């Protein structure tokens, strides 16, 4: 009877240890969480929202225009949207975005926010770099003013889900 109980406890401990190891592997290599700090991504993401981001996606695929990414720089992490890809020319004139001279419609922005974007460029994005902006263009610290071009190795993942607050649960847009 005592050995049966010990065997049961041992099986439980093995199951718990396995679950903890799997959770740690997933957190360190596949998915992680990040908190949105500030208003630079409003209305898409709001201050204090907690995100799950995919750390593996860019091992298999290249970042794409429109992706909401997590950027790791020495002082902190940033959540921004990719606007221009390596080798492209980006310009904002009359509050409208142009990529390589062609107007790009930003369906994720409201007209009110888009009208506050201002003028910028034209500027060429270097190879292995990305041009990012927050969705709240008037107040965002981004590639235009402070972050500069984002190097490929600074991108640590793509935002996938809002997990907190529960009322906002769902895919990031």
C-alpha atoms as a PDB file:
ATOM      1  CA  UNK A   1       0.000   0.000   0.000  1.00  0.00           C
ATOM      2  CA  UNK A   2       2.784   2.465   0.920  1.00  0.00           C
ATOM      3  CA  UNK A   3       4.695   1.780  -2.298  1.00  0.00           C
ATOM      4  CA  UNK A   4       1.525   2.323  -4.324  1.00  0.00           C
ATOM      5  CA  UNK A   5       1.063   5.737  -2.673  1.00  0.00           C
ATOM      6  CA  UNK A   6       4.738   6.624  -3.291  1.00  0.00           C
ATOM      7  CA  UNK A   7       4.372   5.563  -6.897  1.00  0.00           C
ATOM      8  CA  UNK A   8       1.274   7.772  -7.275  1.00  0.00           C
ATOM      9  CA  UNK A   9       3.101  10.769  -5.775  1.00  0.00           C
ATOM     10  CA  UNK A  10       6.057  10.135  -8.041  1.00  0.00           C
ATOM     11  CA  UNK A  11       3.806  10.067 -11.119  1.00  0.00           C
ATOM     12  CA  UNK A  12       2.168  13.331 -10.057  1.00  0.00           C
ATOM     13  CA  UNK A  13       5.557  14.968  -9.506  1.00  0.00           C
ATOM     14  CA  UNK A  14       6.747  13.803 -12.948  1.00  0.00           C
ATOM     15  CA  UNK A  15       3.592  15.213 -14.577  1.00  0.00           C
ATOM     16  CA  UNK A  16       3.948  18.562 -12.771  1.00  0.00           C
ATOM     17  CA  UNK A  17       7.677  18.788 -13.590  1.00  0.00           C
ATOM     18  CA  UNK A  18       6.978  17.995 -17.243  1.00  0.00           C
ATOM     19  CA  UNK A  19       4.241  20.639 -17.407  1.00  0.00           C
ATOM     20  CA  UNK A  20       6.532  23.265 -15.829  1.00  0.00           C
ATOM     21  CA  UNK A  21       9.360  22.454 -18.262  1.00  0.00           C
ATOM     22  CA  UNK A  22       7.006  22.638 -21.257  1.00  0.00           C
ATOM     23  CA  UNK A  23       5.576  25.963 -20.021  1.00  0.00           C
ATOM     24  CA  UNK A  24       9.075  27.412 -19.587  1.00  0.00           C
ATOM     25  CA  UNK A  25      10.126  26.264 -23.063  1.00  0.00           C
ATOM     26  CA  UNK A  26       7.007  27.784 -24.625  1.00  0.00           C
ATOM     27  CA  UNK A  27       7.489  31.069 -22.749  1.00  0.00           C
ATOM     28  CA  UNK A  28      11.185  31.347 -23.600  1.00  0.00           C
ATOM     29  CA  UNK A  29      11.095  30.207 -27.215  1.00  0.00           C
ATOM     30  CA  UNK A  30       7.576  30.442 -28.652  1.00  0.00           C
ATOM     31  CA  UNK A  31       5.216  32.889 -26.920  1.00  0.00           C
ATOM     32  CA  UNK A  32       5.664  35.636 -24.337  1.00  0.00           C
ATOM     33  CA  UNK A  33       3.673  38.530 -22.956  1.00  0.00           C
ATOM     34  CA  UNK A  34       4.211  42.267 -23.181  1.00  0.00           C
ATOM     35  CA  UNK A  35       2.373  45.239 -21.719  1.00  0.00           C
ATOM     36  CA  UNK A  36       1.434  48.227 -23.869  1.00  0.00           C
ATOM     37  CA  UNK A  37       2.883  51.328 -22.236  1.00  0.00           C
ATOM     38  CA  UNK A  38       1.542  54.694 -23.326  1.00  0.00           C
ATOM     39  CA  UNK A  39      -0.939  55.867 -25.928  1.00  0.00           C
ATOM     40  CA  UNK A  40       1.174  55.611 -29.095  1.00  0.00           C
ATOM     41  CA  UNK A  41      -0.769  52.621 -30.503  1.00  0.00           C
ATOM     42  CA  UNK A  42      -4.288  53.920 -29.825  1.00  0.00           C
ATOM     43  CA  UNK A  43      -6.934  53.158 -30.951  1.00  0.00           C
ATOM     44  CA  UNK A  44      -5.608  49.706 -31.924  1.00  0.00           C
ATOM     45  CA  UNK A  45      -3.951  49.019 -28.567  1.00  0.00           C
ATOM     46  CA  UNK A  46      -4.479  50.928 -25.347  1.00  0.00           C
ATOM     47  CA  UNK A  47      -2.221  51.713 -22.418  1.00  0.00           C
ATOM     48  CA  UNK A  48      -2.075  48.812 -19.959  1.00  0.00           C
ATOM     49  CA  UNK A  49      -3.286  46.090 -22.312  1.00  0.00           C
ATOM     50  CA  UNK A  50      -1.371  42.839 -22.058  1.00  0.00           C
ATOM     51  CA  UNK A  51      -0.422  41.072 -25.296  1.00  0.00           C
ATOM     52  CA  UNK A  52       0.770  37.633 -26.229  1.00  0.00           C
ATOM     53  CA  UNK A  53       3.421  37.826 -28.908  1.00  0.00           C
ATOM     54  CA  UNK A  54       4.838  35.127 -31.142  1.00  0.00           C
ATOM     55  CA  UNK A  55       8.617  34.822 -30.851  1.00  0.00           C
ATOM     56  CA  UNK A  56       8.985  32.134 -33.538  1.00  0.00           C
ATOM     57  CA  UNK A  57       7.115  33.747 -36.431  1.00  0.00           C
ATOM     58  CA  UNK A  58      10.094  35.646 -37.804  1.00  0.00           C
ATOM     59  CA  UNK A  59      12.346  32.602 -37.738  1.00  0.00           C
ATOM     60  CA  UNK A  60      10.080  31.179 -40.435  1.00  0.00           C
ATOM     61  CA  UNK A  61       8.799  34.333 -42.193  1.00  0.00           C
ATOM     62  CA  UNK A  62       9.941  37.869 -42.854  1.00  0.00           C
ATOM     63  CA  UNK A  63       8.165  40.772 -41.129  1.00  0.00           C
ATOM     64  CA  UNK A  64       5.427  42.311 -43.290  1.00  0.00           C
ATOM     65  CA  UNK A  65       3.995  45.785 -43.656  1.00  0.00           C
ATOM     66  CA  UNK A  66       1.173  46.212 -41.174  1.00  0.00           C
ATOM     67  CA  UNK A  67       2.504  43.715 -38.620  1.00  0.00           C
ATOM     68  CA  UNK A  68       2.335  44.917 -35.022  1.00  0.00           C
ATOM     69  CA  UNK A  69       5.720  44.012 -33.614  1.00  0.00           C
ATOM     70  CA  UNK A  70       7.586  43.995 -30.326  1.00  0.00           C
ATOM     71  CA  UNK A  71      10.922  45.801 -30.558  1.00  0.00           C
ATOM     72  CA  UNK A  72      13.621  45.265 -27.963  1.00  0.00           C
ATOM     73  CA  UNK A  73      16.060  48.105 -27.520  1.00  0.00           C
ATOM     74  CA  UNK A  74      18.558  48.525 -24.712  1.00  0.00           C
ATOM     75  CA  UNK A  75      16.325  50.562 -22.434  1.00  0.00           C
ATOM     76  CA  UNK A  76      12.916  48.946 -23.039  1.00  0.00           C
ATOM     77  CA  UNK A  77      10.497  47.176 -25.365  1.00  0.00           C
ATOM     78  CA  UNK A  78       8.235  49.032 -27.799  1.00  0.00           C
ATOM     79  CA  UNK A  79       5.046  47.982 -29.589  1.00  0.00           C
ATOM     80  CA  UNK A  80       4.832  49.519 -33.093  1.00  0.00           C
ATOM     81  CA  UNK A  81       3.484  48.815 -36.571  1.00  0.00           C
ATOM     82  CA  UNK A  82       5.751  48.101 -39.550  1.00  0.00           C
ATOM     83  CA  UNK A  83       5.159  50.764 -42.187  1.00  0.00           C
ATOM     84  CA  UNK A  84       8.032  50.331 -44.661  1.00  0.00           C
ATOM     85  CA  UNK A  85      10.255  47.389 -45.480  1.00  0.00           C
ATOM     86  CA  UNK A  86      13.993  47.229 -46.271  1.00  0.00           C
ATOM     87  CA  UNK A  87      14.929  49.139 -49.419  1.00  0.00           C
ATOM     88  CA  UNK A  88      11.642  51.055 -49.681  1.00  0.00           C
ATOM     89  CA  UNK A  89      11.188  54.811 -49.720  1.00  0.00           C
ATOM     90  CA  UNK A  90       8.671  56.217 -47.247  1.00  0.00           C
ATOM     91  CA  UNK A  91       7.080  59.644 -47.326  1.00  0.00           C
ATOM     92  CA  UNK A  92       4.159  61.332 -45.631  1.00  0.00           C
ATOM     93  CA  UNK A  93       2.713  64.333 -47.423  1.00  0.00           C
ATOM     94  CA  UNK A  94      -0.640  65.994 -46.833  1.00  0.00           C
ATOM     95  CA  UNK A  95      -1.090  63.444 -44.003  1.00  0.00           C
ATOM     96  CA  UNK A  96      -1.065  60.569 -46.514  1.00  0.00           C
ATOM     97  CA  UNK A  97       1.465  57.723 -46.537  1.00  0.00           C
ATOM     98  CA  UNK A  98       3.434  56.956 -49.699  1.00  0.00           C
ATOM     99  CA  UNK A  99       5.605  53.883 -50.171  1.00  0.00           C
ATOM    100  CA  UNK A 100       7.927  54.031 -53.176  1.00  0.00           C
ATOM    101  CA  UNK A 101       5.881  56.958 -54.509  1.00  0.00           C
ATOM    102  CA  UNK A 102       2.512  55.172 -54.359  1.00  0.00           C
ATOM    103  CA  UNK A 103      -0.183  56.083 -51.869  1.00  0.00           C
ATOM    104  CA  UNK A 104      -0.731  53.425 -49.229  1.00  0.00           C
ATOM    105  CA  UNK A 105      -4.165  53.289 -47.595  1.00  0.00           C
ATOM    106  CA  UNK A 106      -3.886  52.628 -43.865  1.00  0.00           C
ATOM    107  CA  UNK A 107      -7.175  50.896 -43.095  1.00  0.00           C
ATOM    108  CA  UNK A 108      -6.262  50.617 -39.402  1.00  0.00           C
ATOM    109  CA  UNK A 109      -6.231  54.430 -38.930  1.00  0.00           C
ATOM    110  CA  UNK A 110      -9.197  56.715 -38.497  1.00  0.00           C
ATOM    111  CA  UNK A 111      -9.357  59.867 -40.626  1.00  0.00           C
ATOM    112  CA  UNK A 112      -8.935  61.981 -37.498  1.00  0.00           C
ATOM    113  CA  UNK A 113      -5.681  60.254 -36.520  1.00  0.00           C
ATOM    114  CA  UNK A 114      -4.439  60.126 -40.096  1.00  0.00           C
ATOM    115  CA  UNK A 115      -4.963  63.883 -40.452  1.00  0.00           C
ATOM    116  CA  UNK A 116      -2.586  64.482 -37.501  1.00  0.00           C
ATOM    117  CA  UNK A 117       0.306  62.569 -39.058  1.00  0.00           C
ATOM    118  CA  UNK A 118       2.092  65.597 -40.495  1.00  0.00           C
ATOM    119  CA  UNK A 119       4.809  65.692 -43.136  1.00  0.00           C
ATOM    120  CA  UNK A 120       7.843  63.406 -43.306  1.00  0.00           C
ATOM    121  CA  UNK A 121      10.481  62.302 -45.796  1.00  0.00           C
ATOM    122  CA  UNK A 122      11.009  61.056 -48.367  1.00  0.00           C
ATOM    123  CA  UNK A 123      13.558  58.761 -46.759  1.00  0.00           C
ATOM    124  CA  UNK A 124      15.051  55.454 -47.894  1.00  0.00           C
ATOM    125  CA  UNK A 125      14.884  52.507 -45.502  1.00  0.00           C
ATOM    126  CA  UNK A 126      18.271  50.734 -45.359  1.00  0.00           C
ATOM    127  CA  UNK A 127      18.583  47.021 -46.075  1.00  0.00           C
ATOM    128  CA  UNK A 128      17.950  44.853 -42.964  1.00  0.00           C
ATOM    129  CA  UNK A 129      15.994  47.731 -41.408  1.00  0.00           C
ATOM    130  CA  UNK A 130      12.331  48.587 -40.986  1.00  0.00           C
ATOM    131  CA  UNK A 131      10.423  51.846 -40.626  1.00  0.00           C
ATOM    132  CA  UNK A 132       7.830  51.695 -37.828  1.00  0.00           C
ATOM    133  CA  UNK A 133       5.202  54.047 -36.436  1.00  0.00           C
ATOM    134  CA  UNK A 134       2.605  53.952 -33.716  1.00  0.00           C
ATOM    135  CA  UNK A 135      -1.028  54.185 -34.799  1.00  0.00           C
ATOM    136  CA  UNK A 136      -1.492  57.382 -32.762  1.00  0.00           C
ATOM    137  CA  UNK A 137       0.801  59.341 -35.074  1.00  0.00           C
ATOM    138  CA  UNK A 138       0.623  62.710 -33.313  1.00  0.00           C
ATOM    139  CA  UNK A 139       2.277  61.417 -30.113  1.00  0.00           C
ATOM    140  CA  UNK A 140       4.152  58.280 -31.159  1.00  0.00           C
ATOM    141  CA  UNK A 141       7.880  57.885 -30.566  1.00  0.00           C
ATOM    142  CA  UNK A 142       8.834  55.895 -33.651  1.00  0.00           C
ATOM    143  CA  UNK A 143      11.145  55.781 -36.679  1.00  0.00           C
ATOM    144  CA  UNK A 144      10.388  59.441 -37.408  1.00  0.00           C
ATOM    145  CA  UNK A 145      11.492  60.782 -34.054  1.00  0.00           C
ATOM    146  CA  UNK A 146      13.535  58.821 -31.583  1.00  0.00           C
ATOM    147  CA  UNK A 147      13.595  55.118 -32.451  1.00  0.00           C
ATOM    148  CA  UNK A 148      15.142  55.491 -35.892  1.00  0.00           C
ATOM    149  CA  UNK A 149      15.221  52.573 -38.277  1.00  0.00           C
ATOM    150  CA  UNK A 150      14.605  49.229 -36.598  1.00  0.00           C
ATOM    151  CA  UNK A 151      17.207  46.563 -37.212  1.00  0.00           C
ATOM    152  CA  UNK A 152      15.968  43.039 -37.964  1.00  0.00           C
ATOM    153  CA  UNK A 153      17.565  41.655 -34.786  1.00  0.00           C
ATOM    154  CA  UNK A 154      15.674  44.193 -32.627  1.00  0.00           C
ATOM    155  CA  UNK A 155      12.332  42.649 -33.642  1.00  0.00           C
ATOM    156  CA  UNK A 156      11.588  39.969 -31.054  1.00  0.00           C
ATOM    157  CA  UNK A 157       8.080  38.997 -32.101  1.00  0.00           C
ATOM    158  CA  UNK A 158       4.691  39.765 -33.607  1.00  0.00           C
ATOM    159  CA  UNK A 159       1.688  40.676 -31.490  1.00  0.00           C
ATOM    160  CA  UNK A 160      -0.992  37.993 -31.704  1.00  0.00           C
ATOM    161  CA  UNK A 161      -3.601  38.410 -28.951  1.00  0.00           C
ATOM    162  CA  UNK A 162      -4.804  40.889 -26.387  1.00  0.00           C
ATOM    163  CA  UNK A 163      -5.281  38.870 -23.199  1.00  0.00           C
ATOM    164  CA  UNK A 164      -5.980  41.630 -20.692  1.00  0.00           C
ATOM    165  CA  UNK A 165      -8.334  43.235 -19.969  1.00  0.00           C
ATOM    166  CA  UNK A 166     -10.686  40.343 -20.663  1.00  0.00           C
ATOM    167  CA  UNK A 167     -13.205  42.693 -22.335  1.00  0.00           C
ATOM    168  CA  UNK A 168     -10.617  43.362 -25.098  1.00  0.00           C
ATOM    169  CA  UNK A 169      -9.586  39.739 -25.555  1.00  0.00           C
ATOM    170  CA  UNK A 170      -8.888  38.895 -29.187  1.00  0.00           C
ATOM    171  CA  UNK A 171      -6.489  39.212 -32.097  1.00  0.00           C
ATOM    172  CA  UNK A 172      -4.546  42.417 -32.551  1.00  0.00           C
ATOM    173  CA  UNK A 173      -5.389  44.202 -35.758  1.00  0.00           C
END
